[in-house]
Structure formats: structure tokens, C-alpha cells
C-alpha atoms as a PDB file:
ATOM      1  CA  MET A   1      17.167  -6.367  -8.166  1.00  0.00           C
ATOM      2  CA  THR A   2      20.597  -6.452  -6.693  1.00  0.00           C
ATOM      3  CA  LEU A   3      22.088  -3.132  -8.020  1.00  0.00           C
ATOM      4  CA  ASP A   4      22.779  -0.309  -5.674  1.00  0.00           C
ATOM      5  CA  PRO A   5      21.042   2.751  -7.300  1.00  0.00           C
ATOM      6  CA  GLU A   6      23.245   5.174  -5.333  1.00  0.00           C
ATOM      7  CA  ASP A   7      26.550   3.718  -6.731  1.00  0.00           C
ATOM      8  CA  SER A   8      26.196   3.916 -10.416  1.00  0.00           C
ATOM      9  CA  SER A   9      29.955   4.008 -10.878  1.00  0.00           C
ATOM     10  CA  SER A  10      30.383   0.402  -9.699  1.00  0.00           C
ATOM     11  CA  TRP A  11      26.894  -1.097  -9.695  1.00  0.00           C
ATOM     12  CA  ASP A  12      27.914  -3.291  -6.657  1.00  0.00           C
ATOM     13  CA  PRO A  13      25.280  -5.430  -5.183  1.00  0.00           C
ATOM     14  CA  ILE A  14      23.581  -4.216  -2.007  1.00  0.00           C
ATOM     15  CA  ASP A  15      24.912  -6.071   0.939  1.00  0.00           C
ATOM     16  CA  ILE A  16      21.850  -7.574   2.743  1.00  0.00           C
ATOM     17  CA  SER A  17      23.709  -9.061   5.666  1.00  0.00           C
ATOM     18  CA  ASP A  18      22.163  -6.597   8.105  1.00  0.00           C
ATOM     19  CA  PRO A  19      18.700  -5.611   6.870  1.00  0.00           C
ATOM     20  CA  THR A  20      15.398  -7.331   6.932  1.00  0.00           C
ATOM     21  CA  VAL A  21      14.104  -7.524   3.402  1.00  0.00           C
ATOM     22  CA  THR A  22      10.442  -7.387   2.588  1.00  0.00           C
ATOM     23  CA  VAL A  23       8.160  -6.786  -0.403  1.00  0.00           C
ATOM     24  CA  ILE A  24       5.072  -4.645  -0.112  1.00  0.00           C
ATOM     25  CA  PHE A  25       2.324  -5.879  -2.481  1.00  0.00           C
ATOM     26  CA  ARG A  26      -0.391  -3.545  -3.747  1.00  0.00           C
ATOM     27  CA  LYS A  27      -2.683  -2.805  -6.622  1.00  0.00           C
ATOM     28  CA  ILE A  28      -0.914  -0.318  -9.051  1.00  0.00           C
ATOM     29  CA  GLY A  29      -2.467   3.131  -8.636  1.00  0.00           C
ATOM     30  CA  THR A  30      -3.471   2.642  -4.965  1.00  0.00           C
ATOM     31  CA  THR A  31      -1.829   3.229  -1.665  1.00  0.00           C
ATOM     32  CA  ILE A  32      -3.397   0.276   0.238  1.00  0.00           C
ATOM     33  CA  ASN A  33      -0.806  -2.249   1.127  1.00  0.00           C
ATOM     34  CA  LEU A  34      -2.381  -5.751   0.528  1.00  0.00           C
ATOM     35  CA  ALA A  35       0.472  -7.830   2.120  1.00  0.00           C
ATOM     36  CA  THR A  36       4.004  -7.497   3.344  1.00  0.00           C
ATOM     37  CA  LEU A  37       5.984 -10.501   2.293  1.00  0.00           C
ATOM     38  CA  ALA A  38       9.103 -11.444   4.166  1.00  0.00           C
ATOM     39  CA  CYS A  39      12.132 -12.372   2.001  1.00  0.00           C
ATOM     40  CA  THR A  40      14.593 -15.111   2.481  1.00  0.00           C
ATOM     41  CA  LYS A  41      18.169 -14.079   2.010  1.00  0.00           C
ATOM     42  CA  VAL A  42      20.541 -16.260  -0.148  1.00  0.00           C
ATOM     43  CA  ALA A  43      24.118 -16.618   1.153  1.00  0.00           C
ATOM     44  CA  PRO A  44      26.490 -15.011   0.613  1.00  0.00           C
ATOM     45  CA  TYR A  45      24.390 -12.065   1.702  1.00  0.00           C
ATOM     46  CA  THR A  46      26.972  -9.655   0.205  1.00  0.00           C
ATOM     47  CA  GLY A  47      25.578 -10.763  -3.205  1.00  0.00           C
ATOM     48  CA  GLY A  48      22.249  -9.025  -2.466  1.00  0.00           C
ATOM     49  CA  GLU A  49      20.139 -11.924  -3.450  1.00  0.00           C
ATOM     50  CA  CYS A  50      16.841 -12.941  -1.936  1.00  0.00           C
ATOM     51  CA  PHE A  51      13.426 -14.422  -2.728  1.00  0.00           C
ATOM     52  CA  MET A  52       9.871 -13.871  -1.320  1.00  0.00           C
ATOM     53  CA  THR A  53       7.259 -16.594  -0.626  1.00  0.00           C
ATOM     54  CA  TRP A  54       3.703 -15.854  -1.419  1.00  0.00           C
ATOM     55  CA  GLY A  55       1.314 -16.226   1.395  1.00  0.00           C
ATOM     56  CA  THR A  56      -1.578 -18.716   1.005  1.00  0.00           C
ATOM     57  CA  THR A  57      -4.133 -15.929   0.412  1.00  0.00           C
ATOM     58  CA  THR A  58      -1.859 -13.065  -0.924  1.00  0.00           C
ATOM     59  CA  LEU A  59      -3.043 -13.711  -4.562  1.00  0.00           C
ATOM     60  CA  ASP A  60      -6.761 -13.980  -3.565  1.00  0.00           C
ATOM     61  CA  VAL A  61      -7.286 -10.548  -5.352  1.00  0.00           C
ATOM     62  CA  ALA A  62      -9.178  -9.266  -8.335  1.00  0.00           C
ATOM     63  CA  ALA A  63      -7.498  -9.778 -11.745  1.00  0.00           C
ATOM     64  CA  GLY A  64      -5.339  -6.795 -12.606  1.00  0.00           C
ATOM     65  CA  LEU A  65      -1.963  -5.142 -12.355  1.00  0.00           C
ATOM     66  CA  TYR A  66      -0.097  -5.154  -9.092  1.00  0.00           C
ATOM     67  CA  GLU A  67       3.364  -4.031  -7.897  1.00  0.00           C
ATOM     68  CA  GLY A  68       5.868  -4.953  -5.299  1.00  0.00           C
ATOM     69  CA  GLU A  69       8.115  -2.452  -3.446  1.00  0.00           C
ATOM     70  CA  ILE A  70      11.266  -3.828  -2.055  1.00  0.00           C
ATOM     71  CA  VAL A  71      12.171  -2.440   1.299  1.00  0.00           C
ATOM     72  CA  LEU A  72      15.395  -3.010   3.330  1.00  0.00           C
ATOM     73  CA  THR A  73      14.980  -2.196   7.110  1.00  0.00           C
ATOM     74  CA  TYR A  74      18.359  -2.107   8.943  1.00  0.00           C
ATOM     75  CA  ASP A  75      19.058  -2.989  12.553  1.00  0.00           C
ATOM     76  CA  SER A  76      19.799   0.803  13.182  1.00  0.00           C
ATOM     77  CA  GLY A  77      16.170   1.520  12.055  1.00  0.00           C
ATOM     78  CA  ALA A  78      17.176   3.000   8.724  1.00  0.00           C
ATOM     79  CA  VAL A  79      15.048   2.014   5.820  1.00  0.00           C
ATOM     80  CA  GLN A  80      15.926   1.896   2.081  1.00  0.00           C
ATOM     81  CA  THR A  81      13.335   1.572  -0.565  1.00  0.00           C
ATOM     82  CA  LEU A  82      14.387   0.350  -3.972  1.00  0.00           C
ATOM     83  CA  PHE A  83      13.616   2.880  -6.619  1.00  0.00           C
ATOM     84  CA  ASP A  84      12.228   0.237  -9.220  1.00  0.00           C
ATOM     85  CA  ARG A  85       9.121  -1.720  -8.285  1.00  0.00           C
ATOM     86  CA  LEU A  86       8.312  -5.247  -9.358  1.00  0.00           C
ATOM     87  CA  LYS A  87       5.292  -5.645 -11.652  1.00  0.00           C
ATOM     88  CA  PHE A  88       2.752  -8.399 -11.472  1.00  0.00           C
ATOM     89  CA  LYS A  89      -0.303  -9.263 -13.646  1.00  0.00           C
ATOM     90  CA  VAL A  90      -2.767 -11.475 -11.719  1.00  0.00           C
ATOM     91  CA  ARG A  91      -5.310 -13.198 -13.890  1.00  0.00           C
ATOM     92  CA  ASP A  92      -8.771 -14.634 -13.109  1.00  0.00           C
ATOM     93  CA  ASP A  93      -8.954 -18.309 -11.697  1.00  0.00           C
ATOM     94  CA  PHE A  94      -9.988 -20.876 -14.132  1.00  0.00           C
END
């Protein structure tokens, strides 16, 4: 998600030059964070694009529905959490 929810008149991408971008992974309906995944920013950072890399054991969880909350932490200490969450359906191994 690269749209700034606070700027609906322009829908400009969020400039991620400054903040650290992470995704908090948890089971839907719970408050327990299972993992915090660091994101890699894609240049130019003003485009607001990044990607996350799954940890080697992050998906060692029960099958079910999970969510990812995108968090921007700025050098000033300010934190911005994106309103919409990513949704994941984890299935059983086979």
C-alpha cells in the first residue's frame, strides 16, 4: 500500500526516505505479535514501495487467517500505522 490515507485529495505515495518500515504479523482476532518483519525499501523512496522478507520460522504457525500491520517509524520517534492491514491465509503443510 503506497497511498497516504491522510491526503485523499492527491493520493500521493508516502515518502519512505526517513522511516524504518516494518510489518507486524499476528493471527486475526488476537493481540499477540508473532513476528516483526523488516521491510526493504525500493528506490526511489519517494515512491513509497517496499517489500518484506519472511523469516525462516515466521510461517511455522497453525493454519488459519493472519494479518500484517504496516508500521513506519521515523527518525524523530514518530510512528505511523497504515489503516488497512494485509491479510494472509496460512494453510497446513503437505
